[in-house]
């Protein structure tokens, strides 16, 4: 037990070297999975509605807003 306490005093986190390595592996795996999910989500949103306008500019957005306002005024 005394050896274990001496081993932990060299670190700011209080983790031993093997515990720190295990935590690092888990952290990196979680980070990579999160990043892949985020990249996939961004790709799907880009495919659905591009952020940068195409050759017609934001005409599609303007048409959608015009349609939405027509529907709102129709219901009222």
PDB file of N, CA and C in Angstrom:
ATOM      1  N   UNK A   1       0.823  -1.194   0.000  1.00  0.00           N
ATOM      2  CA  UNK A   1       0.000   0.000   0.000  1.00  0.00           C
ATOM      3  C   UNK A   1       0.863   1.252   0.000  1.00  0.00           C
ATOM      4  N   UNK A   2       1.963   1.242   0.735  1.00  0.00           N
ATOM      5  CA  UNK A   2       2.848   2.404   0.784  1.00  0.00           C
ATOM      6  C   UNK A   2       3.490   2.644  -0.573  1.00  0.00           C
ATOM      7  N   UNK A   3       3.822   1.569  -1.303  1.00  0.00           N
ATOM      8  CA  UNK A   3       4.390   1.730  -2.639  1.00  0.00           C
ATOM      9  C   UNK A   3       3.390   2.390  -3.583  1.00  0.00           C
ATOM     10  N   UNK A   4       2.139   2.010  -3.456  1.00  0.00           N
ATOM     11  CA  UNK A   4       1.098   2.580  -4.296  1.00  0.00           C
ATOM     12  C   UNK A   4       0.916   4.076  -4.019  1.00  0.00           C
ATOM     13  N   UNK A   5       0.999   4.494  -2.776  1.00  0.00           N
ATOM     14  CA  UNK A   5       0.859   5.903  -2.407  1.00  0.00           C
ATOM     15  C   UNK A   5       2.033   6.717  -2.943  1.00  0.00           C
ATOM     16  N   UNK A   6       3.241   6.164  -2.880  1.00  0.00           N
ATOM     17  CA  UNK A   6       4.411   6.873  -3.402  1.00  0.00           C
ATOM     18  C   UNK A   6       4.336   7.013  -4.918  1.00  0.00           C
ATOM     19  N   UNK A   7       3.786   6.012  -5.576  1.00  0.00           N
ATOM     20  CA  UNK A   7       3.683   6.038  -7.030  1.00  0.00           C
ATOM     21  C   UNK A   7       2.718   7.140  -7.484  1.00  0.00           C
ATOM     22  N   UNK A   8       1.687   7.406  -6.725  1.00  0.00           N
ATOM     23  CA  UNK A   8       0.667   8.386  -7.096  1.00  0.00           C
ATOM     24  C   UNK A   8       1.093   9.823  -6.823  1.00  0.00           C
ATOM     25  N   UNK A   9       2.080  10.065  -6.015  1.00  0.00           N
ATOM     26  CA  UNK A   9       2.444  11.435  -5.655  1.00  0.00           C
ATOM     27  C   UNK A   9       3.147  12.186  -6.774  1.00  0.00           C
ATOM     28  N   UNK A  10       3.668  11.515  -7.796  1.00  0.00           N
ATOM     29  CA  UNK A  10       4.403  12.181  -8.860  1.00  0.00           C
ATOM     30  C   UNK A  10       3.512  12.844  -9.895  1.00  0.00           C
ATOM     31  N   UNK A  11       2.211  12.666  -9.814  1.00  0.00           N
ATOM     32  CA  UNK A  11       1.305  13.166 -10.835  1.00  0.00           C
ATOM     33  C   UNK A  11       0.366  14.223 -10.256  1.00  0.00           C
ATOM     34  N   UNK A  12       0.034  15.201 -11.068  1.00  0.00           N
ATOM     35  CA  UNK A  12      -0.923  16.219 -10.629  1.00  0.00           C
ATOM     36  C   UNK A  12      -2.336  15.647 -10.506  1.00  0.00           C
ATOM     37  N   UNK A  13      -2.649  14.648 -11.318  1.00  0.00           N
ATOM     38  CA  UNK A  13      -3.990  14.069 -11.300  1.00  0.00           C
ATOM     39  C   UNK A  13      -4.156  13.017 -10.214  1.00  0.00           C
ATOM     40  N   UNK A  14      -3.072  12.488  -9.714  1.00  0.00           N
ATOM     41  CA  UNK A  14      -3.152  11.429  -8.729  1.00  0.00           C
ATOM     42  C   UNK A  14      -3.270  10.052  -9.350  1.00  0.00           C
ATOM     43  N   UNK A  15      -3.169   9.962 -10.670  1.00  0.00           N
ATOM     44  CA  UNK A  15      -3.243   8.675 -11.347  1.00  0.00           C
ATOM     45  C   UNK A  15      -1.856   8.075 -11.499  1.00  0.00           C
ATOM     46  N   UNK A  16      -1.806   6.756 -11.447  1.00  0.00           N
ATOM     47  CA  UNK A  16      -0.538   6.086 -11.724  1.00  0.00           C
ATOM     48  C   UNK A  16      -0.317   6.107 -13.240  1.00  0.00           C
ATOM     49  N   UNK A  17       0.861   5.698 -13.659  1.00  0.00           N
ATOM     50  CA  UNK A  17       1.174   5.712 -15.092  1.00  0.00           C
ATOM     51  C   UNK A  17       0.249   4.782 -15.867  1.00  0.00           C
ATOM     52  N   UNK A  18      -0.018   3.596 -15.342  1.00  0.00           N
ATOM     53  CA  UNK A  18      -0.897   2.654 -16.049  1.00  0.00           C
ATOM     54  C   UNK A  18      -2.338   3.166 -16.068  1.00  0.00           C
ATOM     55  N   UNK A  19      -2.796   3.798 -14.980  1.00  0.00           N
ATOM     56  CA  UNK A  19      -4.141   4.371 -14.956  1.00  0.00           C
ATOM     57  C   UNK A  19      -4.256   5.533 -15.944  1.00  0.00           C
ATOM     58  N   UNK A  20      -3.218   6.326 -16.025  1.00  0.00           N
ATOM     59  CA  UNK A  20      -3.216   7.456 -16.957  1.00  0.00           C
ATOM     60  C   UNK A  20      -3.253   6.961 -18.399  1.00  0.00           C
ATOM     61  N   UNK A  21      -2.515   5.898 -18.697  1.00  0.00           N
ATOM     62  CA  UNK A  21      -2.530   5.344 -20.048  1.00  0.00           C
ATOM     63  C   UNK A  21      -3.898   4.769 -20.396  1.00  0.00           C
ATOM     64  N   UNK A  22      -4.513   4.084 -19.447  1.00  0.00           N
ATOM     65  CA  UNK A  22      -5.850   3.530 -19.684  1.00  0.00           C
ATOM     66  C   UNK A  22      -6.861   4.654 -19.906  1.00  0.00           C
ATOM     67  N   UNK A  23      -6.785   5.701 -19.112  1.00  0.00           N
ATOM     68  CA  UNK A  23      -7.684   6.839 -19.282  1.00  0.00           C
ATOM     69  C   UNK A  23      -7.447   7.502 -20.632  1.00  0.00           C
ATOM     70  N   UNK A  24      -6.198   7.656 -21.021  1.00  0.00           N
ATOM     71  CA  UNK A  24      -5.868   8.294 -22.299  1.00  0.00           C
ATOM     72  C   UNK A  24      -6.445   7.495 -23.462  1.00  0.00           C
ATOM     73  N   UNK A  25      -6.311   6.172 -23.417  1.00  0.00           N
ATOM     74  CA  UNK A  25      -6.857   5.334 -24.492  1.00  0.00           C
ATOM     75  C   UNK A  25      -8.375   5.493 -24.583  1.00  0.00           C
ATOM     76  N   UNK A  26      -9.052   5.471 -23.438  1.00  0.00           N
ATOM     77  CA  UNK A  26     -10.500   5.622 -23.426  1.00  0.00           C
ATOM     78  C   UNK A  26     -10.907   7.012 -23.920  1.00  0.00           C
ATOM     79  N   UNK A  27     -10.180   8.026 -23.474  1.00  0.00           N
ATOM     80  CA  UNK A  27     -10.476   9.398 -23.906  1.00  0.00           C
ATOM     81  C   UNK A  27     -10.300   9.543 -25.411  1.00  0.00           C
ATOM     82  N   UNK A  28      -9.203   9.039 -25.956  1.00  0.00           N
ATOM     83  CA  UNK A  28      -8.943   9.166 -27.387  1.00  0.00           C
ATOM     84  C   UNK A  28      -9.974   8.399 -28.206  1.00  0.00           C
ATOM     85  N   UNK A  29     -10.357   7.211 -27.750  1.00  0.00           N
ATOM     86  CA  UNK A  29     -11.367   6.435 -28.459  1.00  0.00           C
ATOM     87  C   UNK A  29     -12.699   7.187 -28.463  1.00  0.00           C
ATOM     88  N   UNK A  30     -13.084   7.735 -27.321  1.00  0.00           N
ATOM     89  CA  UNK A  30     -14.326   8.504 -27.235  1.00  0.00           C
ATOM     90  C   UNK A  30     -14.267   9.740 -28.128  1.00  0.00           C
ATOM     91  N   UNK A  31     -13.146  10.425 -28.139  1.00  0.00           N
ATOM     92  CA  UNK A  31     -12.982  11.619 -28.958  1.00  0.00           C
ATOM     93  C   UNK A  31     -13.081  11.283 -30.445  1.00  0.00           C
ATOM     94  N   UNK A  32     -12.454  10.195 -30.865  1.00  0.00           N
ATOM     95  CA  UNK A  32     -12.489   9.799 -32.274  1.00  0.00           C
ATOM     96  C   UNK A  32     -13.908   9.419 -32.687  1.00  0.00           C
ATOM     97  N   UNK A  33     -14.615   8.678 -31.847  1.00  0.00           N
ATOM     98  CA  UNK A  33     -15.994   8.297 -32.163  1.00  0.00           C
ATOM     99  C   UNK A  33     -16.875   9.538 -32.255  1.00  0.00           C
ATOM    100  N   UNK A  34     -16.738  10.459 -31.294  1.00  0.00           N
ATOM    101  CA  UNK A  34     -17.516  11.699 -31.318  1.00  0.00           C
ATOM    102  C   UNK A  34     -17.216  12.494 -32.583  1.00  0.00           C
ATOM    103  N   UNK A  35     -15.955  12.601 -32.954  1.00  0.00           N
ATOM    104  CA  UNK A  35     -15.567  13.361 -34.141  1.00  0.00           C
ATOM    105  C   UNK A  35     -16.141  12.735 -35.408  1.00  0.00           C
ATOM    106  N   UNK A  36     -16.104  11.403 -35.510  1.00  0.00           N
ATOM    107  CA  UNK A  36     -16.661  10.731 -36.683  1.00  0.00           C
ATOM    108  C   UNK A  36     -18.171  10.945 -36.777  1.00  0.00           C
ATOM    109  N   UNK A  37     -18.863  10.891 -35.644  1.00  0.00           N
ATOM    110  CA  UNK A  37     -20.306  11.139 -35.654  1.00  0.00           C
ATOM    111  C   UNK A  37     -20.580  12.580 -36.071  1.00  0.00           C
ATOM    112  N   UNK A  38     -19.796  13.529 -35.564  1.00  0.00           N
ATOM    113  CA  UNK A  38     -19.993  14.938 -35.919  1.00  0.00           C
ATOM    114  C   UNK A  38     -19.730  15.181 -37.396  1.00  0.00           C
ATOM    115  N   UNK A  39     -18.685  14.585 -37.939  1.00  0.00           N
ATOM    116  CA  UNK A  39     -18.379  14.746 -39.367  1.00  0.00           C
ATOM    117  C   UNK A  39     -19.499  14.135 -40.206  1.00  0.00           C
ATOM    118  N   UNK A  40     -19.985  12.964 -39.808  1.00  0.00           N
ATOM    119  CA  UNK A  40     -21.095  12.329 -40.519  1.00  0.00           C
ATOM    120  C   UNK A  40     -22.347  13.192 -40.485  1.00  0.00           C
ATOM    121  N   UNK A  41     -22.658  13.765 -39.317  1.00  0.00           N
ATOM    122  CA  UNK A  41     -23.835  14.629 -39.196  1.00  0.00           C
ATOM    123  C   UNK A  41     -23.682  15.874 -40.064  1.00  0.00           C
ATOM    124  N   UNK A  42     -22.501  16.469 -40.085  1.00  0.00           N
ATOM    125  CA  UNK A  42     -22.281  17.653 -40.908  1.00  0.00           C
ATOM    126  C   UNK A  42     -22.418  17.313 -42.393  1.00  0.00           C
ATOM    127  N   UNK A  43     -21.918  16.158 -42.796  1.00  0.00           N
ATOM    128  CA  UNK A  43     -22.047  15.741 -44.193  1.00  0.00           C
ATOM    129  C   UNK A  43     -23.515  15.558 -44.572  1.00  0.00           C
ATOM    130  N   UNK A  44     -24.296  14.931 -43.679  1.00  0.00           N
ATOM    131  CA  UNK A  44     -25.710  14.723 -43.976  1.00  0.00           C
ATOM    132  C   UNK A  44     -26.461  16.049 -44.069  1.00  0.00           C
ATOM    133  N   UNK A  45     -26.162  16.983 -43.191  1.00  0.00           N
ATOM    134  CA  UNK A  45     -26.820  18.291 -43.249  1.00  0.00           C
ATOM    135  C   UNK A  45     -26.399  19.030 -44.507  1.00  0.00           C
ATOM    136  N   UNK A  46     -25.124  18.941 -44.866  1.00  0.00           N
ATOM    137  CA  UNK A  46     -24.644  19.592 -46.095  1.00  0.00           C
ATOM    138  C   UNK A  46     -25.354  19.000 -47.309  1.00  0.00           C
ATOM    139  N   UNK A  47     -25.564  17.682 -47.325  1.00  0.00           N
ATOM    140  CA  UNK A  47     -26.258  17.036 -48.444  1.00  0.00           C
ATOM    141  C   UNK A  47     -27.709  17.493 -48.510  1.00  0.00           C
ATOM    142  N   UNK A  48     -28.326  17.702 -47.355  1.00  0.00           N
ATOM    143  CA  UNK A  48     -29.728  18.103 -47.307  1.00  0.00           C
ATOM    144  C   UNK A  48     -29.900  19.564 -47.719  1.00  0.00           C
ATOM    145  N   UNK A  49     -29.059  20.442 -47.168  1.00  0.00           N
ATOM    146  CA  UNK A  49     -29.183  21.866 -47.465  1.00  0.00           C
ATOM    147  C   UNK A  49     -27.793  22.505 -47.403  1.00  0.00           C
ATOM    148  N   UNK A  50     -27.151  22.733 -48.550  1.00  0.00           N
ATOM    149  CA  UNK A  50     -25.785  23.290 -48.555  1.00  0.00           C
ATOM    150  C   UNK A  50     -25.717  24.656 -47.885  1.00  0.00           C
ATOM    151  N   UNK A  51     -24.591  24.900 -47.227  1.00  0.00           N
ATOM    152  CA  UNK A  51     -24.385  26.157 -46.524  1.00  0.00           C
ATOM    153  C   UNK A  51     -23.944  27.266 -47.465  1.00  0.00           C
ATOM    154  N   UNK A  52     -23.267  26.882 -48.530  1.00  0.00           N
ATOM    155  CA  UNK A  52     -22.792  27.869 -49.506  1.00  0.00           C
ATOM    156  C   UNK A  52     -23.741  27.820 -50.688  1.00  0.00           C
ATOM    157  N   UNK A  53     -24.266  28.957 -51.130  1.00  0.00           N
ATOM    158  CA  UNK A  53     -25.257  28.941 -52.207  1.00  0.00           C
ATOM    159  C   UNK A  53     -24.667  28.434 -53.522  1.00  0.00           C
ATOM    160  N   UNK A  54     -25.517  27.829 -54.320  1.00  0.00           N
ATOM    161  CA  UNK A  54     -25.110  27.332 -55.628  1.00  0.00           C
ATOM    162  C   UNK A  54     -25.165  28.420 -56.670  1.00  0.00           C
ATOM    163  N   UNK A  55     -25.227  28.039 -57.934  1.00  0.00           N
ATOM    164  CA  UNK A  55     -25.227  29.034 -59.016  1.00  0.00           C
ATOM    165  C   UNK A  55     -26.455  29.943 -58.985  1.00  0.00           C
ATOM    166  N   UNK A  56     -27.561  29.474 -58.441  1.00  0.00           N
ATOM    167  CA  UNK A  56     -28.775  30.292 -58.370  1.00  0.00           C
ATOM    168  C   UNK A  56     -28.843  31.101 -57.081  1.00  0.00           C
ATOM    169  N   UNK A  57     -27.792  31.100 -56.316  1.00  0.00           N
ATOM    170  CA  UNK A  57     -27.778  31.837 -55.055  1.00  0.00           C
ATOM    171  C   UNK A  57     -28.689  31.182 -54.033  1.00  0.00           C
ATOM    172  N   UNK A  58     -29.328  32.001 -53.241  1.00  0.00           N
ATOM    173  CA  UNK A  58     -30.225  31.497 -52.211  1.00  0.00           C
ATOM    174  C   UNK A  58     -31.674  31.489 -52.698  1.00  0.00           C
ATOM    175  N   UNK A  59     -31.884  31.255 -53.986  1.00  0.00           N
ATOM    176  CA  UNK A  59     -33.228  31.259 -54.546  1.00  0.00           C
ATOM    177  C   UNK A  59     -34.095  30.205 -53.884  1.00  0.00           C
ATOM    178  N   UNK A  60     -33.519  29.059 -53.584  1.00  0.00           N
ATOM    179  CA  UNK A  60     -34.294  27.995 -52.952  1.00  0.00           C
ATOM    180  C   UNK A  60     -34.777  28.437 -51.569  1.00  0.00           C
ATOM    181  N   UNK A  61     -33.931  29.124 -50.826  1.00  0.00           N
ATOM    182  CA  UNK A  61     -34.309  29.606 -49.498  1.00  0.00           C
ATOM    183  C   UNK A  61     -35.414  30.645 -49.624  1.00  0.00           C
ATOM    184  N   UNK A  62     -35.300  31.537 -50.586  1.00  0.00           N
ATOM    185  CA  UNK A  62     -36.326  32.561 -50.795  1.00  0.00           C
ATOM    186  C   UNK A  62     -37.654  31.934 -51.182  1.00  0.00           C
ATOM    187  N   UNK A  63     -37.626  30.910 -52.041  1.00  0.00           N
ATOM    188  CA  UNK A  63     -38.857  30.214 -52.420  1.00  0.00           C
ATOM    189  C   UNK A  63     -39.491  29.537 -51.218  1.00  0.00           C
ATOM    190  N   UNK A  64     -38.678  28.935 -50.371  1.00  0.00           N
ATOM    191  CA  UNK A  64     -39.188  28.271 -49.176  1.00  0.00           C
ATOM    192  C   UNK A  64     -39.822  29.281 -48.234  1.00  0.00           C
ATOM    193  N   UNK A  65     -39.187  30.432 -48.051  1.00  0.00           N
ATOM    194  CA  UNK A  65     -39.755  31.464 -47.185  1.00  0.00           C
ATOM    195  C   UNK A  65     -41.061  32.007 -47.756  1.00  0.00           C
ATOM    196  N   UNK A  66     -41.118  32.175 -49.070  1.00  0.00           N
ATOM    197  CA  UNK A  66     -42.341  32.659 -49.709  1.00  0.00           C
ATOM    198  C   UNK A  66     -43.468  31.648 -49.519  1.00  0.00           C
ATOM    199  N   UNK A  67     -43.167  30.374 -49.676  1.00  0.00           N
ATOM    200  CA  UNK A  67     -44.165  29.324 -49.493  1.00  0.00           C
ATOM    201  C   UNK A  67     -44.636  29.279 -48.031  1.00  0.00           C
ATOM    202  N   UNK A  68     -43.703  29.396 -47.107  1.00  0.00           N
ATOM    203  CA  UNK A  68     -44.062  29.366 -45.688  1.00  0.00           C
ATOM    204  C   UNK A  68     -44.939  30.550 -45.314  1.00  0.00           C
ATOM    205  N   UNK A  69     -44.623  31.731 -45.822  1.00  0.00           N
ATOM    206  CA  UNK A  69     -45.441  32.893 -45.507  1.00  0.00           C
ATOM    207  C   UNK A  69     -46.829  32.765 -46.141  1.00  0.00           C
ATOM    208  N   UNK A  70     -46.913  32.172 -47.314  1.00  0.00           N
ATOM    209  CA  UNK A  70     -48.221  31.952 -47.954  1.00  0.00           C
ATOM    210  C   UNK A  70     -49.053  30.984 -47.139  1.00  0.00           C
ATOM    211  N   UNK A  71     -48.423  29.945 -46.598  1.00  0.00           N
ATOM    212  CA  UNK A  71     -49.145  28.985 -45.772  1.00  0.00           C
ATOM    213  C   UNK A  71     -49.620  29.610 -44.480  1.00  0.00           C
ATOM    214  N   UNK A  72     -48.803  30.463 -43.879  1.00  0.00           N
ATOM    215  CA  UNK A  72     -49.185  31.109 -42.631  1.00  0.00           C
ATOM    216  C   UNK A  72     -50.360  32.060 -42.868  1.00  0.00           C
ATOM    217  N   UNK A  73     -50.308  32.814 -43.944  1.00  0.00           N
ATOM    218  CA  UNK A  73     -51.403  33.750 -44.229  1.00  0.00           C
ATOM    219  C   UNK A  73     -52.666  32.993 -44.656  1.00  0.00           C
ATOM    220  N   UNK A  74     -52.514  31.827 -45.254  1.00  0.00           N
ATOM    221  CA  UNK A  74     -53.660  31.019 -45.652  1.00  0.00           C
ATOM    222  C   UNK A  74     -54.400  30.466 -44.440  1.00  0.00           C
ATOM    223  N   UNK A  75     -53.648  30.048 -43.413  1.00  0.00           N
ATOM    224  CA  UNK A  75     -54.242  29.503 -42.183  1.00  0.00           C
ATOM    225  C   UNK A  75     -54.908  30.585 -41.349  1.00  0.00           C
ATOM    226  N   UNK A  76     -54.415  31.796 -41.416  1.00  0.00           N
ATOM    227  CA  UNK A  76     -54.946  32.865 -40.573  1.00  0.00           C
ATOM    228  C   UNK A  76     -56.167  33.476 -41.126  1.00  0.00           C
TER     229      UNK A  76
END
